[in-house]
Amino acid sequence: MKTKIYLLNSDLSDYSYFIENCPKGQEDMQGRAMDRALYHHWQPFGEEYQPVTMELYRNYYGKKNYQLDISGFTAPFYVLSERALEALSDIFLPRGQVLPIITASKRKKFWGYFPTNVLKGCFDKEKSIYKQWPNGLMIEHVVLIADNITDEYLFTIEEDIRRVFVTEKFKQRVEEAGLLAFTFPDHLVAETS
């Protein structure tokens, strides 16, 4: 049996997206989130976290607005609208950390989101394509082991510091809620061993 798994991602062509307005000489939030995944095994940020300023950028067609419900440009640190958090709170809250961020939006509230739901034994080393680096793996193509995926909605794996995976059930919930800018163009295959 093969299970459909998607990457948690956002549509950059039709929707605007957020990038951190990072002070010069400081590591950006995306880098800090990847370090957190690598060196702290996806553990939540502690008291050292300070709200970051996220700036809205134009979509590929030159339009700029706050209609999005997700921005994944800085993955594995995501920006979610309050609407998305409310609609999927039963999914997001137990599987990650919601963090305050600063945006210029006057009407719509946005939050930072860092997933902390790590599953072990899901990465198929034999079928995946990757390079071994001193600090971990550089994964080019990931294959997951379906039997070891124990979460119904959203998860990360300890071998990958950037990808966040979601299931068909997650996709259905997003579609039912009518959330904008989530995209599920291609699915990965999780194979039963």
N, C-alpha and C. Protein backbone atom coordinates (compact mmCIF):
# COMPACT_ATOMS: atom_id res chain seq x y z
N MET A 1 0.84 -1.18 0.00
CA MET A 1 0.00 0.00 0.00
C MET A 1 0.88 1.24 0.00
N LYS A 2 0.48 2.25 -0.73
CA LYS A 2 1.21 3.51 -0.78
C LYS A 2 0.34 4.61 -0.20
N THR A 3 0.94 5.43 0.63
CA THR A 3 0.24 6.52 1.29
C THR A 3 0.67 7.84 0.68
N LYS A 4 -0.28 8.75 0.45
CA LYS A 4 0.06 10.07 -0.09
C LYS A 4 0.51 10.97 1.05
N ILE A 5 1.70 11.52 0.90
CA ILE A 5 2.26 12.47 1.85
C ILE A 5 2.69 13.70 1.05
N TYR A 6 2.44 14.87 1.58
CA TYR A 6 2.79 16.12 0.91
C TYR A 6 3.77 16.90 1.78
N LEU A 7 4.42 17.88 1.16
CA LEU A 7 5.22 18.82 1.92
C LEU A 7 4.34 19.99 2.33
N LEU A 8 4.51 20.48 3.55
CA LEU A 8 3.79 21.68 3.97
C LEU A 8 4.42 22.83 3.21
N ASN A 9 3.63 23.47 2.35
CA ASN A 9 4.18 24.45 1.44
C ASN A 9 3.15 25.53 1.13
N SER A 10 3.64 26.63 0.55
CA SER A 10 2.73 27.71 0.18
C SER A 10 2.91 28.08 -1.28
N ASP A 11 1.85 28.63 -1.85
CA ASP A 11 1.80 29.04 -3.25
C ASP A 11 2.43 30.43 -3.38
N LEU A 12 3.60 30.51 -3.99
CA LEU A 12 4.31 31.78 -4.15
C LEU A 12 3.93 32.50 -5.43
N SER A 13 3.30 31.80 -6.36
CA SER A 13 2.96 32.46 -7.62
C SER A 13 1.69 33.29 -7.50
N ASP A 14 0.68 32.78 -6.83
CA ASP A 14 -0.60 33.49 -6.74
C ASP A 14 -0.77 34.30 -5.45
N TYR A 15 0.06 34.04 -4.45
CA TYR A 15 -0.09 34.71 -3.15
C TYR A 15 1.22 35.36 -2.72
N SER A 16 1.09 36.45 -1.99
CA SER A 16 2.25 37.11 -1.41
C SER A 16 2.86 36.17 -0.36
N TYR A 17 4.04 36.51 0.11
CA TYR A 17 4.72 35.67 1.11
C TYR A 17 5.56 36.56 2.01
N PHE A 18 5.92 36.01 3.16
CA PHE A 18 6.70 36.75 4.14
C PHE A 18 8.17 36.33 4.12
N ILE A 19 9.04 37.33 4.28
CA ILE A 19 10.47 37.10 4.49
C ILE A 19 10.85 37.96 5.69
N GLU A 20 11.72 37.43 6.52
CA GLU A 20 12.13 38.18 7.70
C GLU A 20 12.95 39.41 7.32
N ASN A 21 12.64 40.51 7.95
CA ASN A 21 13.45 41.72 7.83
C ASN A 21 14.52 41.59 8.92
N CYS A 22 15.60 40.92 8.57
CA CYS A 22 16.61 40.51 9.54
C CYS A 22 17.72 41.56 9.66
N PRO A 23 18.04 41.97 10.88
CA PRO A 23 19.14 42.92 11.05
C PRO A 23 20.46 42.35 10.52
N LYS A 24 21.27 43.21 9.94
CA LYS A 24 22.54 42.80 9.37
C LYS A 24 23.41 42.14 10.45
N GLY A 25 24.05 41.04 10.06
CA GLY A 25 24.94 40.34 10.97
C GLY A 25 24.24 39.36 11.90
N GLN A 26 22.93 39.25 11.80
CA GLN A 26 22.17 38.34 12.66
C GLN A 26 21.65 37.18 11.82
N GLU A 27 21.62 35.99 12.38
CA GLU A 27 21.10 34.84 11.64
C GLU A 27 19.59 34.98 11.49
N ASP A 28 19.09 34.71 10.28
CA ASP A 28 17.65 34.85 10.05
C ASP A 28 16.88 33.70 10.69
N MET A 29 15.57 33.87 10.77
CA MET A 29 14.71 32.91 11.45
C MET A 29 14.72 31.55 10.77
N GLN A 30 14.81 31.52 9.46
CA GLN A 30 14.87 30.24 8.76
C GLN A 30 16.12 29.48 9.19
N GLY A 31 17.26 30.15 9.24
CA GLY A 31 18.50 29.52 9.68
C GLY A 31 18.43 29.07 11.12
N ARG A 32 17.84 29.90 11.97
CA ARG A 32 17.69 29.52 13.38
C ARG A 32 16.77 28.32 13.54
N ALA A 33 15.72 28.25 12.74
CA ALA A 33 14.80 27.11 12.81
C ALA A 33 15.48 25.83 12.33
N MET A 34 16.28 25.94 11.26
CA MET A 34 17.01 24.76 10.77
C MET A 34 18.05 24.31 11.79
N ASP A 35 18.73 25.26 12.44
CA ASP A 35 19.66 24.91 13.52
C ASP A 35 18.93 24.20 14.66
N ARG A 36 17.74 24.69 14.98
CA ARG A 36 16.93 24.10 16.05
C ARG A 36 16.57 22.66 15.68
N ALA A 37 16.24 22.43 14.42
CA ALA A 37 15.92 21.08 13.96
C ALA A 37 17.14 20.17 14.04
N LEU A 38 18.28 20.68 13.58
CA LEU A 38 19.50 19.87 13.52
C LEU A 38 20.11 19.62 14.89
N TYR A 39 20.36 20.67 15.64
CA TYR A 39 21.11 20.55 16.89
C TYR A 39 20.24 20.28 18.11
N HIS A 40 18.96 20.58 18.02
CA HIS A 40 18.06 20.40 19.17
C HIS A 40 16.91 19.45 18.84
N HIS A 41 17.02 18.74 17.72
CA HIS A 41 16.05 17.71 17.32
C HIS A 41 14.60 18.21 17.36
N TRP A 42 14.39 19.39 16.75
CA TRP A 42 13.06 19.97 16.59
C TRP A 42 12.41 20.37 17.92
N GLN A 43 13.18 20.60 18.96
CA GLN A 43 12.63 21.04 20.24
C GLN A 43 12.15 22.49 20.12
N PRO A 44 11.14 22.88 20.89
CA PRO A 44 10.62 24.25 20.82
C PRO A 44 11.68 25.29 21.18
N PHE A 45 11.48 26.50 20.69
CA PHE A 45 12.33 27.62 21.09
C PHE A 45 12.06 27.93 22.56
N GLY A 46 13.07 28.40 23.23
CA GLY A 46 12.92 28.74 24.65
C GLY A 46 12.69 30.22 24.85
N GLU A 47 13.00 30.67 26.04
CA GLU A 47 12.78 32.07 26.40
C GLU A 47 13.64 33.03 25.59
N GLU A 48 14.66 32.51 24.92
CA GLU A 48 15.53 33.37 24.11
C GLU A 48 14.82 33.91 22.86
N TYR A 49 13.71 33.29 22.49
CA TYR A 49 12.99 33.73 21.28
C TYR A 49 12.44 35.14 21.48
N GLN A 50 12.70 35.99 20.51
CA GLN A 50 12.14 37.34 20.46
C GLN A 50 11.34 37.46 19.16
N PRO A 51 10.17 38.11 19.18
CA PRO A 51 9.38 38.23 17.95
C PRO A 51 10.20 38.84 16.81
N VAL A 52 10.08 38.23 15.65
CA VAL A 52 10.81 38.69 14.47
C VAL A 52 9.86 39.51 13.59
N THR A 53 10.44 40.43 12.83
CA THR A 53 9.66 41.26 11.92
C THR A 53 9.64 40.61 10.55
N MET A 54 8.45 40.31 10.08
CA MET A 54 8.28 39.67 8.79
C MET A 54 7.72 40.70 7.81
N GLU A 55 8.35 40.76 6.64
CA GLU A 55 7.96 41.73 5.61
C GLU A 55 7.24 41.00 4.48
N LEU A 56 6.15 41.57 4.01
CA LEU A 56 5.36 40.96 2.94
C LEU A 56 5.99 41.27 1.58
N TYR A 57 6.16 40.24 0.76
CA TYR A 57 6.72 40.39 -0.58
C TYR A 57 5.66 40.08 -1.63
N ARG A 58 5.85 40.65 -2.81
CA ARG A 58 4.91 40.46 -3.92
C ARG A 58 4.96 39.02 -4.44
N ASN A 59 3.81 38.56 -4.95
CA ASN A 59 3.79 37.25 -5.59
C ASN A 59 4.49 37.34 -6.95
N TYR A 60 4.54 36.24 -7.68
CA TYR A 60 5.24 36.22 -8.97
C TYR A 60 4.62 37.15 -10.00
N TYR A 61 3.37 37.55 -9.80
CA TYR A 61 2.69 38.44 -10.73
C TYR A 61 2.76 39.90 -10.30
N GLY A 62 3.51 40.18 -9.26
CA GLY A 62 3.71 41.56 -8.81
C GLY A 62 2.65 42.09 -7.86
N LYS A 63 1.72 41.24 -7.42
CA LYS A 63 0.67 41.69 -6.51
C LYS A 63 1.09 41.44 -5.06
N LYS A 64 0.65 42.34 -4.20
CA LYS A 64 1.02 42.27 -2.79
C LYS A 64 -0.21 42.51 -1.94
N ASN A 65 -0.63 41.48 -1.17
CA ASN A 65 -1.74 41.64 -0.24
C ASN A 65 -1.66 40.57 0.85
N TYR A 66 -2.47 40.73 1.86
CA TYR A 66 -2.44 39.83 3.02
C TYR A 66 -3.49 38.72 2.94
N GLN A 67 -3.90 38.31 1.73
CA GLN A 67 -4.94 37.30 1.60
C GLN A 67 -4.48 35.89 1.98
N LEU A 68 -3.20 35.67 2.11
CA LEU A 68 -2.68 34.34 2.40
C LEU A 68 -3.01 33.88 3.81
N ASP A 69 -3.07 32.55 3.97
CA ASP A 69 -3.23 31.94 5.29
C ASP A 69 -1.97 31.19 5.71
N ILE A 70 -1.01 31.02 4.79
CA ILE A 70 0.28 30.41 5.12
C ILE A 70 1.35 31.02 4.23
N SER A 71 2.53 31.16 4.80
CA SER A 71 3.72 31.50 4.02
C SER A 71 4.80 30.50 4.43
N GLY A 72 5.31 29.76 3.45
CA GLY A 72 6.32 28.75 3.72
C GLY A 72 7.69 29.10 3.19
N PHE A 73 7.88 30.34 2.78
CA PHE A 73 9.16 30.75 2.20
C PHE A 73 10.31 30.58 3.18
N THR A 74 10.04 30.72 4.47
CA THR A 74 11.08 30.62 5.49
C THR A 74 11.05 29.26 6.21
N ALA A 75 10.51 28.24 5.56
CA ALA A 75 10.42 26.91 6.16
C ALA A 75 11.80 26.44 6.62
N PRO A 76 11.85 25.80 7.77
CA PRO A 76 10.76 25.21 8.56
C PRO A 76 10.09 26.14 9.56
N PHE A 77 10.32 27.44 9.45
CA PHE A 77 9.58 28.42 10.24
C PHE A 77 8.50 28.98 9.31
N TYR A 78 7.25 28.75 9.66
CA TYR A 78 6.13 29.16 8.82
C TYR A 78 5.43 30.37 9.41
N VAL A 79 4.74 31.10 8.55
CA VAL A 79 3.87 32.18 9.00
C VAL A 79 2.44 31.73 8.70
N LEU A 80 1.60 31.71 9.74
CA LEU A 80 0.21 31.30 9.60
C LEU A 80 -0.71 32.45 10.00
N SER A 81 -1.82 32.55 9.30
CA SER A 81 -2.82 33.54 9.70
C SER A 81 -3.55 33.03 10.93
N GLU A 82 -4.13 33.96 11.66
CA GLU A 82 -4.92 33.56 12.82
C GLU A 82 -6.09 32.67 12.38
N ARG A 83 -6.61 32.95 11.19
CA ARG A 83 -7.71 32.13 10.62
C ARG A 83 -7.27 30.68 10.46
N ALA A 84 -6.06 30.46 9.93
CA ALA A 84 -5.54 29.10 9.75
C ALA A 84 -5.32 28.42 11.10
N LEU A 85 -4.77 29.17 12.06
CA LEU A 85 -4.55 28.59 13.39
C LEU A 85 -5.86 28.20 14.05
N GLU A 86 -6.88 29.03 13.90
CA GLU A 86 -8.18 28.71 14.50
C GLU A 86 -8.82 27.50 13.82
N ALA A 87 -8.78 27.46 12.49
CA ALA A 87 -9.42 26.37 11.75
C ALA A 87 -8.74 25.03 11.98
N LEU A 88 -7.43 25.06 12.17
CA LEU A 88 -6.66 23.82 12.32
C LEU A 88 -5.93 23.75 13.66
N SER A 89 -6.50 24.38 14.67
CA SER A 89 -5.83 24.42 15.99
C SER A 89 -5.61 23.02 16.56
N ASP A 90 -6.54 22.11 16.31
CA ASP A 90 -6.38 20.74 16.82
C ASP A 90 -5.21 20.02 16.15
N ILE A 91 -4.77 20.51 15.01
CA ILE A 91 -3.62 19.93 14.31
C ILE A 91 -2.34 20.68 14.69
N PHE A 92 -2.35 22.00 14.53
CA PHE A 92 -1.13 22.78 14.74
C PHE A 92 -0.66 22.82 16.19
N LEU A 93 -1.56 23.06 17.13
CA LEU A 93 -1.14 23.30 18.51
C LEU A 93 -0.42 22.11 19.16
N PRO A 94 -0.93 20.88 19.05
CA PRO A 94 -0.20 19.79 19.70
C PRO A 94 1.05 19.34 18.94
N ARG A 95 1.25 19.85 17.73
CA ARG A 95 2.37 19.38 16.90
C ARG A 95 3.42 20.45 16.64
N GLY A 96 3.34 21.55 17.36
CA GLY A 96 4.31 22.59 17.11
C GLY A 96 4.18 23.75 18.07
N GLN A 97 4.97 24.76 17.81
CA GLN A 97 5.04 25.93 18.67
C GLN A 97 4.56 27.16 17.91
N VAL A 98 3.60 27.86 18.48
CA VAL A 98 3.10 29.11 17.90
C VAL A 98 3.87 30.24 18.56
N LEU A 99 4.45 31.11 17.72
CA LEU A 99 5.31 32.17 18.21
C LEU A 99 4.85 33.53 17.69
N PRO A 100 4.95 34.57 18.51
CA PRO A 100 4.56 35.90 18.04
C PRO A 100 5.54 36.43 17.00
N ILE A 101 5.01 37.12 16.01
CA ILE A 101 5.82 37.79 14.99
C ILE A 101 5.25 39.19 14.80
N ILE A 102 5.99 40.02 14.10
CA ILE A 102 5.55 41.39 13.83
C ILE A 102 5.38 41.54 12.32
N THR A 103 4.20 42.02 11.91
CA THR A 103 3.96 42.32 10.49
C THR A 103 3.36 43.73 10.41
N ALA A 104 3.29 44.26 9.21
CA ALA A 104 2.70 45.59 9.00
C ALA A 104 1.18 45.52 8.83
N SER A 105 0.61 44.31 8.83
CA SER A 105 -0.83 44.16 8.63
C SER A 105 -1.61 44.81 9.77
N LYS A 106 -2.56 45.64 9.40
CA LYS A 106 -3.41 46.32 10.40
C LYS A 106 -4.67 45.51 10.70
N ARG A 107 -5.14 44.72 9.74
CA ARG A 107 -6.41 44.02 9.88
C ARG A 107 -6.27 42.54 10.21
N LYS A 108 -5.23 41.92 9.72
CA LYS A 108 -5.11 40.47 9.83
C LYS A 108 -3.92 40.14 10.73
N LYS A 109 -4.13 39.21 11.66
CA LYS A 109 -3.09 38.80 12.60
C LYS A 109 -2.38 37.56 12.06
N PHE A 110 -1.06 37.56 12.17
CA PHE A 110 -0.25 36.43 11.74
C PHE A 110 0.63 35.95 12.89
N TRP A 111 0.98 34.68 12.85
CA TRP A 111 1.81 34.05 13.87
C TRP A 111 2.92 33.25 13.21
N GLY A 112 4.02 33.08 13.92
CA GLY A 112 5.07 32.17 13.49
C GLY A 112 4.71 30.77 13.95
N TYR A 113 5.13 29.77 13.20
CA TYR A 113 4.86 28.38 13.58
C TYR A 113 6.10 27.53 13.32
N PHE A 114 6.53 26.81 14.37
CA PHE A 114 7.66 25.91 14.26
C PHE A 114 7.21 24.51 14.68
N PRO A 115 7.22 23.54 13.74
CA PRO A 115 6.77 22.19 14.08
C PRO A 115 7.75 21.49 15.02
N THR A 116 7.21 20.70 15.93
CA THR A 116 8.04 19.97 16.89
C THR A 116 7.69 18.49 16.94
N ASN A 117 6.85 18.04 16.04
CA ASN A 117 6.37 16.65 16.04
C ASN A 117 7.29 15.78 15.19
N VAL A 118 8.30 15.19 15.81
CA VAL A 118 9.31 14.40 15.10
C VAL A 118 8.94 12.92 15.17
N LEU A 119 8.90 12.28 14.01
CA LEU A 119 8.69 10.83 13.97
C LEU A 119 10.01 10.14 13.67
N LYS A 120 10.23 9.02 14.31
CA LYS A 120 11.47 8.26 14.12
C LYS A 120 11.19 7.04 13.25
N GLY A 121 12.21 6.63 12.52
CA GLY A 121 12.11 5.42 11.72
C GLY A 121 11.29 5.54 10.45
N CYS A 122 11.01 6.76 10.02
CA CYS A 122 10.20 6.97 8.80
C CYS A 122 11.04 7.13 7.55
N PHE A 123 12.30 7.48 7.71
CA PHE A 123 13.18 7.77 6.58
C PHE A 123 13.75 6.47 6.01
N ASP A 124 13.49 6.22 4.73
CA ASP A 124 14.00 5.02 4.06
C ASP A 124 15.36 5.35 3.44
N LYS A 125 16.43 4.97 4.13
CA LYS A 125 17.79 5.30 3.68
C LYS A 125 18.15 4.59 2.38
N GLU A 126 17.59 3.41 2.17
CA GLU A 126 17.93 2.64 0.97
C GLU A 126 17.31 3.23 -0.29
N LYS A 127 16.10 3.77 -0.20
CA LYS A 127 15.40 4.27 -1.38
C LYS A 127 15.52 5.78 -1.58
N SER A 128 15.91 6.49 -0.54
CA SER A 128 16.07 7.95 -0.63
C SER A 128 17.42 8.28 -1.27
N ILE A 129 17.52 9.47 -1.82
CA ILE A 129 18.77 9.95 -2.40
C ILE A 129 19.28 11.09 -1.51
N TYR A 130 20.50 10.94 -1.02
CA TYR A 130 21.05 11.93 -0.10
C TYR A 130 22.57 11.87 -0.09
N LYS A 131 23.17 12.90 0.48
CA LYS A 131 24.61 12.95 0.70
C LYS A 131 24.85 13.07 2.19
N GLN A 132 25.87 12.38 2.66
CA GLN A 132 26.24 12.45 4.07
C GLN A 132 27.18 13.63 4.28
N TRP A 133 26.84 14.52 5.20
CA TRP A 133 27.67 15.66 5.57
C TRP A 133 28.08 15.51 7.03
N PRO A 134 29.09 16.24 7.48
CA PRO A 134 29.53 16.10 8.87
C PRO A 134 28.42 16.34 9.90
N ASN A 135 27.51 17.27 9.60
CA ASN A 135 26.44 17.58 10.56
C ASN A 135 25.13 16.84 10.31
N GLY A 136 25.07 16.05 9.25
CA GLY A 136 23.82 15.35 8.96
C GLY A 136 23.71 15.03 7.48
N LEU A 137 22.49 14.85 7.03
CA LEU A 137 22.23 14.47 5.65
C LEU A 137 21.74 15.65 4.82
N MET A 138 22.16 15.68 3.56
CA MET A 138 21.61 16.63 2.58
C MET A 138 20.71 15.77 1.69
N ILE A 139 19.40 15.84 1.93
CA ILE A 139 18.46 14.95 1.25
C ILE A 139 17.96 15.59 -0.03
N GLU A 140 18.16 14.88 -1.14
CA GLU A 140 17.71 15.36 -2.44
C GLU A 140 16.33 14.80 -2.79
N HIS A 141 16.13 13.53 -2.48
CA HIS A 141 14.84 12.87 -2.73
C HIS A 141 14.53 11.99 -1.53
N VAL A 142 13.39 12.23 -0.92
CA VAL A 142 13.04 11.50 0.29
C VAL A 142 11.97 10.45 0.00
N VAL A 143 12.17 9.26 0.54
CA VAL A 143 11.15 8.21 0.53
C VAL A 143 10.89 7.85 1.98
N LEU A 144 9.62 7.80 2.34
CA LEU A 144 9.24 7.51 3.72
C LEU A 144 8.69 6.10 3.84
N ILE A 145 8.79 5.55 5.03
CA ILE A 145 8.26 4.22 5.32
C ILE A 145 6.87 4.39 5.95
N ALA A 146 5.85 4.02 5.20
CA ALA A 146 4.46 4.26 5.61
C ALA A 146 4.12 3.62 6.95
N ASP A 147 4.63 2.42 7.19
CA ASP A 147 4.30 1.70 8.42
C ASP A 147 4.73 2.47 9.67
N ASN A 148 5.72 3.34 9.54
CA ASN A 148 6.25 4.06 10.70
C ASN A 148 5.67 5.47 10.85
N ILE A 149 4.78 5.85 9.95
CA ILE A 149 4.14 7.17 10.07
C ILE A 149 2.96 7.01 11.01
N THR A 150 3.13 7.52 12.21
CA THR A 150 2.13 7.33 13.26
C THR A 150 1.26 8.56 13.50
N ASP A 151 1.45 9.61 12.72
CA ASP A 151 0.64 10.81 12.89
C ASP A 151 -0.32 10.94 11.71
N GLU A 152 -1.53 11.38 12.00
CA GLU A 152 -2.55 11.49 10.96
C GLU A 152 -2.47 12.77 10.14
N TYR A 153 -1.71 13.78 10.61
CA TYR A 153 -1.78 15.09 9.96
C TYR A 153 -0.45 15.73 9.58
N LEU A 154 0.45 15.93 10.54
CA LEU A 154 1.64 16.76 10.32
C LEU A 154 2.81 16.22 11.12
N PHE A 155 3.98 16.13 10.47
CA PHE A 155 5.15 15.62 11.19
C PHE A 155 6.45 16.02 10.49
N THR A 156 7.53 15.88 11.21
CA THR A 156 8.87 16.04 10.67
C THR A 156 9.59 14.72 10.90
N ILE A 157 10.77 14.59 10.31
CA ILE A 157 11.61 13.43 10.58
C ILE A 157 12.96 13.93 11.07
N GLU A 158 13.62 13.14 11.90
CA GLU A 158 14.87 13.60 12.50
C GLU A 158 16.00 13.75 11.50
N GLU A 159 15.93 13.09 10.36
CA GLU A 159 17.00 13.16 9.37
C GLU A 159 16.95 14.41 8.49
N ASP A 160 15.84 15.11 8.48
CA ASP A 160 15.65 16.25 7.58
C ASP A 160 15.39 17.52 8.38
N ILE A 161 16.18 18.56 8.13
CA ILE A 161 16.05 19.79 8.92
C ILE A 161 15.18 20.85 8.27
N ARG A 162 14.61 20.58 7.13
CA ARG A 162 13.81 21.62 6.46
C ARG A 162 12.40 21.17 6.11
N ARG A 163 12.24 19.94 5.71
CA ARG A 163 10.93 19.48 5.24
C ARG A 163 9.98 19.20 6.40
N VAL A 164 8.74 19.59 6.17
CA VAL A 164 7.65 19.28 7.09
C VAL A 164 6.61 18.56 6.24
N PHE A 165 6.16 17.42 6.71
CA PHE A 165 5.27 16.56 5.94
C PHE A 165 3.84 16.65 6.46
N VAL A 166 2.89 16.56 5.53
CA VAL A 166 1.48 16.53 5.89
C VAL A 166 0.80 15.41 5.11
N THR A 167 -0.32 14.97 5.64
CA THR A 167 -1.02 13.82 5.06
C THR A 167 -2.21 14.26 4.21
N GLU A 168 -2.82 13.29 3.59
CA GLU A 168 -4.04 13.52 2.80
C GLU A 168 -5.15 14.09 3.70
N LYS A 169 -5.22 13.61 4.94
CA LYS A 169 -6.22 14.13 5.89
C LYS A 169 -6.00 15.61 6.18
N PHE A 170 -4.74 16.02 6.29
CA PHE A 170 -4.42 17.43 6.49
C PHE A 170 -4.89 18.24 5.29
N LYS A 171 -4.58 17.75 4.11
CA LYS A 171 -4.99 18.43 2.87
C LYS A 171 -6.51 18.62 2.84
N GLN A 172 -7.24 17.58 3.20
CA GLN A 172 -8.71 17.66 3.21
C GLN A 172 -9.20 18.72 4.19
N ARG A 173 -8.59 18.80 5.36
CA ARG A 173 -8.99 19.79 6.36
C ARG A 173 -8.73 21.21 5.86
N VAL A 174 -7.60 21.42 5.19
CA VAL A 174 -7.28 22.73 4.63
C VAL A 174 -8.33 23.12 3.59
N GLU A 175 -8.67 22.18 2.72
CA GLU A 175 -9.65 22.44 1.66
C GLU A 175 -11.04 22.70 2.24
N GLU A 176 -11.43 21.93 3.25
CA GLU A 176 -12.74 22.12 3.89
C GLU A 176 -12.84 23.49 4.55
N ALA A 177 -11.73 23.97 5.11
CA ALA A 177 -11.72 25.27 5.79
C ALA A 177 -11.59 26.44 4.81
N GLY A 178 -11.31 26.14 3.54
CA GLY A 178 -11.16 27.19 2.54
C GLY A 178 -9.95 28.08 2.76
N LEU A 179 -8.89 27.51 3.30
CA LEU A 179 -7.68 28.29 3.59
C LEU A 179 -6.91 28.58 2.31
N LEU A 180 -6.32 29.77 2.25
CA LEU A 180 -5.65 30.25 1.04
C LEU A 180 -4.13 30.13 1.14
N ALA A 181 -3.53 29.86 -0.01
CA ALA A 181 -2.07 29.80 -0.24
C ALA A 181 -1.44 28.48 0.15
N PHE A 182 -2.17 27.56 0.76
CA PHE A 182 -1.64 26.22 0.96
C PHE A 182 -1.59 25.57 -0.42
N THR A 183 -0.54 24.83 -0.70
CA THR A 183 -0.45 24.17 -2.00
C THR A 183 0.00 22.73 -1.83
N PHE A 184 -0.56 21.86 -2.63
CA PHE A 184 -0.25 20.43 -2.58
C PHE A 184 -0.05 19.92 -4.01
N PRO A 185 0.96 20.44 -4.73
CA PRO A 185 1.10 20.12 -6.15
C PRO A 185 1.46 18.66 -6.43
N ASP A 186 2.40 18.14 -5.72
CA ASP A 186 2.85 16.75 -5.93
C ASP A 186 2.89 16.06 -4.59
N HIS A 187 2.61 14.80 -4.61
CA HIS A 187 2.72 14.06 -3.36
C HIS A 187 3.95 13.16 -3.39
N LEU A 188 4.45 12.89 -2.20
CA LEU A 188 5.54 11.94 -2.04
C LEU A 188 4.90 10.58 -1.84
N VAL A 189 5.67 9.57 -2.01
CA VAL A 189 5.16 8.23 -1.79
C VAL A 189 5.76 7.69 -0.51
N ALA A 190 4.91 7.26 0.37
CA ALA A 190 5.36 6.56 1.57
C ALA A 190 5.02 5.09 1.33
N GLU A 191 6.03 4.27 1.27
CA GLU A 191 5.83 2.87 0.91
C GLU A 191 5.76 1.96 2.12
N THR A 192 4.89 0.98 2.03
CA THR A 192 4.80 -0.04 3.06
C THR A 192 5.94 -1.02 2.86
N SER A 193 6.60 -1.33 3.96
CA SER A 193 7.74 -2.27 3.84
C SER A 193 7.28 -3.70 3.76
